[in-house]
N, C-alpha and C. Protein backbone atom coordinates (compact mmCIF):
# COMPACT_ATOMS: atom_id res chain seq x y z
N UNK A 1 98.01 162.66 14.71
CA UNK A 1 97.49 162.17 15.80
C UNK A 1 98.64 161.60 16.47
N UNK A 2 98.83 161.83 17.79
CA UNK A 2 99.93 160.93 18.21
C UNK A 2 99.39 160.19 19.46
N UNK A 3 100.37 158.94 20.06
CA UNK A 3 99.82 157.90 20.62
C UNK A 3 100.70 158.32 22.13
N UNK A 4 100.28 158.41 22.99
CA UNK A 4 100.62 158.35 24.44
C UNK A 4 100.75 157.17 25.00
N UNK A 5 102.06 156.68 25.44
CA UNK A 5 102.44 155.59 25.67
C UNK A 5 102.49 155.69 27.14
N UNK A 6 101.41 154.99 28.26
CA UNK A 6 101.69 154.83 29.64
C UNK A 6 102.82 153.73 30.03
N UNK A 7 103.63 154.06 30.82
CA UNK A 7 104.73 153.35 31.62
C UNK A 7 104.40 152.82 32.74
N UNK A 8 104.17 151.81 33.34
CA UNK A 8 103.81 151.63 34.47
C UNK A 8 105.12 151.03 35.29
N UNK A 9 105.25 151.65 36.35
CA UNK A 9 106.69 151.20 37.09
C UNK A 9 106.37 149.78 37.80
N UNK A 10 107.17 149.09 37.86
CA UNK A 10 106.58 147.80 38.99
C UNK A 10 106.93 148.31 40.47
N UNK A 11 106.26 147.96 41.29
CA UNK A 11 106.50 148.37 42.83
C UNK A 11 108.12 148.10 43.11
N UNK A 12 108.78 148.56 44.13
CA UNK A 12 110.13 148.04 44.00
C UNK A 12 110.16 147.06 45.33
N UNK A 13 110.94 146.03 45.00
CA UNK A 13 110.85 145.03 46.33
C UNK A 13 111.77 145.37 47.35
N UNK A 14 111.16 145.29 48.38
CA UNK A 14 111.84 145.42 49.85
C UNK A 14 112.72 144.48 50.10
N UNK A 15 111.85 143.27 49.97
CA UNK A 15 112.31 141.86 50.45
C UNK A 15 111.97 140.83 49.41
N UNK A 16 112.96 140.33 48.77
CA UNK A 16 113.07 139.20 47.85
C UNK A 16 113.63 137.79 48.13
N UNK A 17 112.74 136.91 48.80
CA UNK A 17 113.23 135.58 49.02
C UNK A 17 113.60 134.64 48.03
N UNK A 18 114.66 133.97 47.73
CA UNK A 18 114.77 133.21 46.61
C UNK A 18 115.18 131.94 47.76
N UNK A 19 114.47 130.53 47.03
CA UNK A 19 114.52 129.49 47.86
C UNK A 19 114.87 128.14 46.80
N UNK A 20 116.09 128.03 46.98
CA UNK A 20 116.63 126.85 46.09
C UNK A 20 115.70 125.69 45.99
N UNK A 21 115.23 125.29 44.80
CA UNK A 21 114.83 124.03 44.62
C UNK A 21 115.61 122.88 43.85
N UNK A 22 116.77 123.50 43.54
CA UNK A 22 117.49 122.63 42.87
C UNK A 22 117.49 121.02 42.74
N UNK A 23 117.48 120.39 41.89
CA UNK A 23 117.26 118.93 42.17
C UNK A 23 118.47 118.51 41.12
N UNK A 24 119.14 117.25 41.53
CA UNK A 24 120.23 116.75 40.75
C UNK A 24 120.05 115.23 40.31
N UNK A 25 120.20 114.65 39.25
CA UNK A 25 120.09 113.36 39.29
C UNK A 25 120.18 112.27 40.21
N UNK A 26 119.37 111.43 39.83
CA UNK A 26 119.85 109.97 41.08
C UNK A 26 121.11 109.62 40.85
N UNK A 27 121.98 109.72 42.20
CA UNK A 27 122.81 109.06 41.84
C UNK A 27 123.95 110.04 41.85
N UNK A 28 123.74 111.30 41.79
CA UNK A 28 124.71 112.45 41.52
C UNK A 28 125.64 112.23 42.63
N UNK A 29 127.06 112.46 42.62
CA UNK A 29 127.83 112.63 43.92
C UNK A 29 127.59 114.41 44.51
N UNK A 30 127.03 115.13 43.93
CA UNK A 30 126.88 116.13 44.84
C UNK A 30 125.59 116.22 45.51
N UNK A 31 125.47 117.09 46.63
CA UNK A 31 124.33 117.55 46.93
C UNK A 31 123.72 118.49 46.35
N UNK A 32 122.22 118.44 46.67
CA UNK A 32 120.72 119.33 46.16
C UNK A 32 119.96 119.88 47.34
N UNK A 33 119.60 121.00 47.04
CA UNK A 33 118.52 121.30 48.05
C UNK A 33 117.39 120.54 48.16
N UNK A 34 116.83 120.14 46.87
CA UNK A 34 115.49 119.38 46.74
C UNK A 34 115.65 118.00 47.63
N UNK A 35 116.83 117.44 47.82
CA UNK A 35 116.96 116.19 48.42
C UNK A 35 116.58 116.41 49.90
N UNK A 36 116.76 118.08 50.20
CA UNK A 36 116.72 118.19 51.76
C UNK A 36 115.45 118.98 51.86
N UNK A 37 114.47 118.59 51.13
CA UNK A 37 112.94 118.99 51.05
C UNK A 37 112.49 120.51 50.83
N UNK A 38 113.37 121.05 49.98
CA UNK A 38 113.20 122.62 49.60
C UNK A 38 112.49 122.77 49.06
N UNK A 39 111.34 122.02 48.28
CA UNK A 39 110.29 122.28 47.45
C UNK A 39 109.30 122.52 48.40
N UNK A 40 109.18 121.90 49.73
CA UNK A 40 108.27 122.10 50.81
C UNK A 40 108.68 123.44 51.72
N UNK A 41 109.73 123.55 51.56
CA UNK A 41 110.02 124.85 52.53
C UNK A 41 109.62 126.10 51.35
N UNK A 42 109.83 125.87 50.01
CA UNK A 42 109.28 127.09 48.85
C UNK A 42 107.87 127.11 49.34
N UNK A 43 107.25 126.21 49.61
CA UNK A 43 105.84 126.44 50.17
C UNK A 43 105.59 126.69 51.33
N UNK A 44 106.52 126.40 51.99
CA UNK A 44 106.24 127.23 53.76
C UNK A 44 106.31 128.75 53.46
N UNK A 45 107.36 128.99 52.50
CA UNK A 45 107.62 130.39 52.25
C UNK A 45 106.34 131.21 51.65
N UNK A 46 105.70 130.70 50.74
CA UNK A 46 104.91 130.85 50.20
C UNK A 46 103.44 131.13 50.95
N UNK A 47 103.35 130.10 51.74
CA UNK A 47 102.16 130.11 52.83
C UNK A 47 102.11 131.39 53.75
N UNK A 48 103.70 131.36 54.07
CA UNK A 48 103.77 132.46 55.24
C UNK A 48 103.61 134.13 54.46
N UNK A 49 103.87 133.85 53.22
CA UNK A 49 103.65 135.20 52.61
C UNK A 49 102.18 135.60 52.31
N UNK A 50 101.29 134.56 51.81
CA UNK A 50 99.84 134.36 52.06
C UNK A 50 99.48 134.88 53.37
N UNK A 51 99.98 133.97 54.47
CA UNK A 51 99.01 134.43 55.53
C UNK A 51 99.39 135.91 55.95
N UNK A 52 100.35 136.58 55.77
CA UNK A 52 100.64 137.77 56.35
C UNK A 52 99.97 138.61 55.09
N UNK A 53 99.47 138.12 54.17
CA UNK A 53 98.39 139.15 53.15
C UNK A 53 99.05 139.59 52.32
N UNK A 54 100.27 139.08 51.69
CA UNK A 54 101.01 139.56 50.74
C UNK A 54 101.37 140.89 50.91
N UNK A 55 102.32 141.49 51.72
CA UNK A 55 102.94 142.58 51.98
C UNK A 55 103.47 143.27 50.67
N UNK A 56 103.22 144.15 50.76
CA UNK A 56 103.80 145.18 49.38
C UNK A 56 105.07 145.31 49.43
N UNK A 57 105.83 145.09 48.59
CA UNK A 57 107.23 144.92 48.01
C UNK A 57 107.97 143.71 48.41
N UNK A 58 107.13 142.57 49.20
CA UNK A 58 107.81 141.32 49.45
C UNK A 58 107.37 140.23 48.41
N UNK A 59 108.46 139.76 48.08
CA UNK A 59 108.09 138.43 47.06
C UNK A 59 108.83 137.41 47.47
N UNK A 60 108.19 136.12 47.07
CA UNK A 60 108.93 134.70 47.44
C UNK A 60 109.25 134.31 45.91
N UNK A 61 110.37 133.71 45.70
CA UNK A 61 110.45 132.61 44.36
C UNK A 61 111.54 131.89 44.44
N UNK A 62 111.08 130.81 43.86
CA UNK A 62 111.72 129.53 43.71
C UNK A 62 112.99 129.77 43.11
N UNK A 63 114.04 129.21 42.94
CA UNK A 63 115.20 129.01 42.42
C UNK A 63 116.00 127.73 41.71
N UNK A 64 116.87 127.83 40.69
CA UNK A 64 117.47 126.69 40.32
C UNK A 64 118.89 127.18 41.37
N UNK A 65 119.98 126.57 41.08
CA UNK A 65 120.92 126.18 42.03
C UNK A 65 121.47 127.58 42.21
N UNK A 66 122.02 127.66 43.42
CA UNK A 66 122.41 128.67 44.09
C UNK A 66 123.62 128.59 44.18
N UNK A 67 124.30 127.18 43.98
CA UNK A 67 126.01 127.16 43.98
C UNK A 67 126.34 127.09 45.42
N UNK A 68 125.63 126.68 46.67
CA UNK A 68 125.94 126.64 47.97
C UNK A 68 125.28 124.98 48.43
N UNK A 69 125.35 124.35 47.45
CA UNK A 69 124.65 122.88 47.59
C UNK A 69 125.06 122.28 49.07
N UNK A 70 125.72 122.12 49.50
CA UNK A 70 126.76 121.48 50.86
C UNK A 70 125.87 122.20 52.14
N UNK A 71 125.28 123.43 52.00
CA UNK A 71 124.68 124.07 53.21
C UNK A 71 123.20 124.19 52.91
N UNK A 72 122.66 123.63 51.98
CA UNK A 72 121.20 123.55 51.91
C UNK A 72 120.15 123.40 52.63
N UNK A 73 119.00 123.51 52.64
CA UNK A 73 118.32 124.47 51.66
C UNK A 73 118.83 125.88 51.73
N UNK A 74 119.07 126.55 50.61
CA UNK A 74 119.90 127.65 50.48
C UNK A 74 118.63 128.42 50.22
N UNK A 75 118.59 129.74 50.97
CA UNK A 75 117.66 130.87 50.96
C UNK A 75 118.24 132.02 50.77
N UNK A 76 118.23 132.66 49.57
CA UNK A 76 119.01 134.51 49.24
C UNK A 76 117.79 135.31 49.75
N UNK A 77 118.18 136.34 50.15
CA UNK A 77 117.38 137.52 50.52
C UNK A 77 118.06 138.78 49.74
N UNK A 78 117.39 139.22 49.07
CA UNK A 78 117.55 140.92 48.19
C UNK A 78 116.64 141.47 48.36
N UNK A 79 116.98 142.89 48.23
CA UNK A 79 118.33 143.34 47.77
C UNK A 79 119.42 143.12 48.74
N UNK A 80 119.28 142.92 49.76
CA UNK A 80 120.48 142.82 50.83
C UNK A 80 121.61 141.75 50.55
N UNK A 81 121.46 140.67 49.89
CA UNK A 81 122.06 139.85 49.34
C UNK A 81 122.72 139.28 50.53
N UNK A 82 121.64 138.61 51.33
CA UNK A 82 122.01 137.99 52.61
C UNK A 82 121.54 136.47 52.41
N UNK A 83 122.79 135.53 52.57
CA UNK A 83 122.32 134.21 51.89
C UNK A 83 122.50 133.46 53.30
N UNK A 84 121.73 132.31 53.34
CA UNK A 84 121.22 131.67 54.22
C UNK A 84 121.51 129.97 54.15
N UNK A 85 121.80 129.60 54.89
CA UNK A 85 122.20 128.08 54.89
C UNK A 85 121.17 127.11 55.85
N UNK A 86 120.95 125.74 55.48
CA UNK A 86 119.94 125.01 56.48
C UNK A 86 118.88 125.44 56.99
N UNK A 87 118.48 126.42 56.15
CA UNK A 87 116.78 126.90 56.60
C UNK A 87 116.01 125.61 56.38
N UNK A 88 115.03 125.87 57.77
CA UNK A 88 113.98 124.89 57.99
C UNK A 88 112.79 125.61 57.99
N UNK A 89 111.58 124.79 57.74
CA UNK A 89 110.31 125.39 58.11
C UNK A 89 109.99 126.22 59.20
N UNK A 90 110.71 125.81 60.35
CA UNK A 90 110.72 126.14 61.48
C UNK A 90 111.21 127.89 61.32
N UNK A 91 112.18 127.99 60.76
CA UNK A 91 113.01 129.60 60.15
C UNK A 91 112.02 130.49 59.29
N UNK A 92 111.08 130.09 59.00
CA UNK A 92 110.03 130.76 58.07
C UNK A 92 109.58 131.97 58.55
N UNK A 93 108.95 132.10 59.46
CA UNK A 93 108.38 133.06 60.47
C UNK A 93 109.72 134.01 60.94
N UNK A 94 110.53 133.48 61.44
CA UNK A 94 111.44 134.19 62.05
C UNK A 94 112.33 134.99 60.87
N UNK A 95 112.58 134.14 59.62
CA UNK A 95 113.09 135.15 58.30
C UNK A 95 112.04 136.42 57.89
N UNK A 96 110.76 136.20 57.92
CA UNK A 96 109.84 137.03 57.41
C UNK A 96 109.88 138.25 58.69
N UNK A 97 109.77 138.13 59.98
CA UNK A 97 109.82 138.91 60.79
C UNK A 97 110.85 139.77 61.20
N UNK A 98 112.02 139.23 60.94
CA UNK A 98 113.10 139.84 61.39
C UNK A 98 113.45 140.69 60.18
N UNK A 99 113.12 140.53 58.73
CA UNK A 99 113.11 141.10 57.58
C UNK A 99 112.10 142.47 57.32
N UNK A 100 111.01 141.90 57.90
CA UNK A 100 110.05 143.24 57.80
C UNK A 100 109.84 144.09 58.51
N UNK A 101 110.58 143.70 59.86
CA UNK A 101 110.83 145.00 60.94
C UNK A 101 111.93 145.47 60.43
N UNK A 102 112.98 145.10 59.88
CA UNK A 102 114.11 145.52 59.48
C UNK A 102 115.08 145.59 60.77
N UNK A 103 115.02 144.36 61.42
CA UNK A 103 116.15 144.42 62.42
C UNK A 103 117.23 143.67 62.13
N UNK A 104 117.48 143.36 60.90
CA UNK A 104 118.56 143.02 60.78
C UNK A 104 118.57 141.18 60.47
N UNK A 105 119.90 140.64 59.81
CA UNK A 105 119.91 139.02 59.68
C UNK A 105 119.33 138.37 60.55
N UNK A 106 119.14 137.21 60.51
CA UNK A 106 119.32 136.17 61.06
C UNK A 106 120.54 135.14 61.26
N UNK A 107 121.67 135.97 62.20
CA UNK A 107 122.91 135.56 62.15
C UNK A 107 122.82 134.04 62.36
N UNK A 108 122.38 133.09 62.95
CA UNK A 108 122.76 131.45 63.17
C UNK A 108 122.33 131.18 61.61
N UNK A 109 121.74 131.69 60.85
CA UNK A 109 121.38 130.83 59.76
C UNK A 109 122.37 131.50 58.41
N UNK A 110 122.96 132.22 58.45
CA UNK A 110 123.71 133.28 57.78
C UNK A 110 125.03 132.30 57.33
N UNK A 111 125.50 132.08 55.79
CA UNK A 111 126.49 131.41 55.46
C UNK A 111 127.61 132.43 55.46
N UNK A 112 128.61 131.36 56.06
CA UNK A 112 130.22 132.30 56.16
C UNK A 112 130.28 133.08 54.87
N UNK A 113 130.97 134.31 55.11
CA UNK A 113 131.41 135.01 53.62
C UNK A 113 132.38 134.61 53.02
N UNK A 114 132.99 133.74 53.67
CA UNK A 114 134.18 133.09 52.86
C UNK A 114 133.75 131.80 52.28
N UNK A 115 132.19 131.10 51.88
CA UNK A 115 132.05 130.14 51.74
C UNK A 115 132.45 130.00 50.23
N UNK A 116 132.56 128.68 50.14
CA UNK A 116 133.39 127.90 48.83
C UNK A 116 131.80 127.39 48.02
N UNK A 117 131.76 127.95 46.68
CA UNK A 117 130.82 127.75 45.95
C UNK A 117 131.47 126.68 45.25
N UNK A 118 130.40 125.44 44.52
CA UNK A 118 130.55 124.26 44.06
C UNK A 118 130.84 124.59 42.53
């Protein structure tokens, strides 16, 4: 008797937003995204994802430190490896619109290519 194994592939992600929610201890000399309200920003991304009916291939996740602390809140979009800094609640819909339509990055939020990480 043979056993047949069924393999289910995970649907490919067309867009995956990672929102840094890293928090440093009080008194730390380094900045952190959590101190810039990134947890609420993650909730705004999640709410926008829900408002749009959880489009297939789109994922939103929180992340620990993405190492661009001085530019936070930081949001990274994969698979395009686009790094955004200083993202606010007002930017969330625009980021979804831009990337769901495939019209390219939101230039004003992109971190410079030569961004030095901590």
